[in-house]
Protein backbone atom coordinates (compact mmCIF):
# COMPACT_ATOMS: atom_id res chain seq x y z
CA MET A 1 -0.02 0.00 0.00
CA ALA A 2 1.27 3.49 -0.86
CA ALA A 3 2.17 6.03 1.81
CA PRO A 4 -0.65 8.43 2.73
CA VAL A 5 -0.65 11.64 0.73
CA GLU A 6 -1.98 14.73 2.49
CA ALA A 7 -3.78 17.29 0.34
CA TYR A 8 -6.26 20.15 0.86
CA CYS A 9 -9.98 19.44 0.28
CA VAL A 10 -11.66 22.57 -1.09
CA LYS A 11 -15.15 21.39 -0.14
CA CYS A 12 -14.28 20.42 3.47
CA LYS A 13 -11.78 23.27 3.82
CA ALA A 14 -9.34 20.97 5.59
CA LYS A 15 -6.19 18.93 4.89
CA ARG A 16 -6.88 15.21 4.68
CA ASN A 17 -5.14 12.03 3.53
CA MET A 18 -6.19 11.15 -0.02
CA LYS A 19 -8.22 8.04 -0.70
CA ASP A 20 -6.94 5.97 -3.65
CA PRO A 21 -4.04 8.29 -4.59
CA GLU A 22 -2.48 7.84 -8.01
CA GLU A 23 0.50 9.64 -9.51
CA VAL A 24 -0.11 11.49 -12.78
CA THR A 25 2.07 13.63 -15.06
CA MET A 26 0.66 16.98 -16.12
CA ALA A 27 1.03 18.38 -19.65
CA ASN A 28 3.97 20.55 -18.59
CA GLY A 29 5.92 17.50 -17.29
CA ARG A 30 5.36 18.06 -13.57
CA ARG A 31 4.27 15.23 -11.31
CA ALA A 32 1.05 15.37 -9.30
CA MET A 33 -1.09 13.14 -7.11
CA LYS A 34 -4.80 12.68 -7.84
CA GLY A 35 -7.30 11.11 -5.45
CA LYS A 36 -10.53 11.52 -3.53
CA CYS A 37 -11.43 13.05 -0.17
CA PRO A 38 -12.30 10.25 2.31
CA GLU A 39 -14.99 12.39 3.96
CA CYS A 40 -16.97 13.95 1.09
CA GLY A 41 -15.72 12.13 -2.02
CA THR A 42 -14.61 15.31 -3.82
CA GLY A 43 -11.63 15.02 -6.19
CA MET A 44 -8.32 16.14 -4.68
CA PHE A 45 -5.15 17.19 -6.53
CA LYS A 46 -1.66 17.92 -5.23
CA ILE A 47 1.23 19.18 -7.36
CA LEU A 48 4.52 17.44 -6.35
CA GLY A 49 7.24 18.96 -8.47
CA LYS A 50 9.37 18.32 -11.54
CA ALA A 51 9.81 14.77 -12.80
């Protein structure tokens, strides 16, 4: 299991650990994590940095 990734949920207005995080690469080449908020189910996104 992957390590927990903490991101900000805009709907809950709080930092939470992402549910089902997956690493993606944005169009500009930067890495990011994409997942869901465990409380409300809203999509969460966290930019990590350059690849």
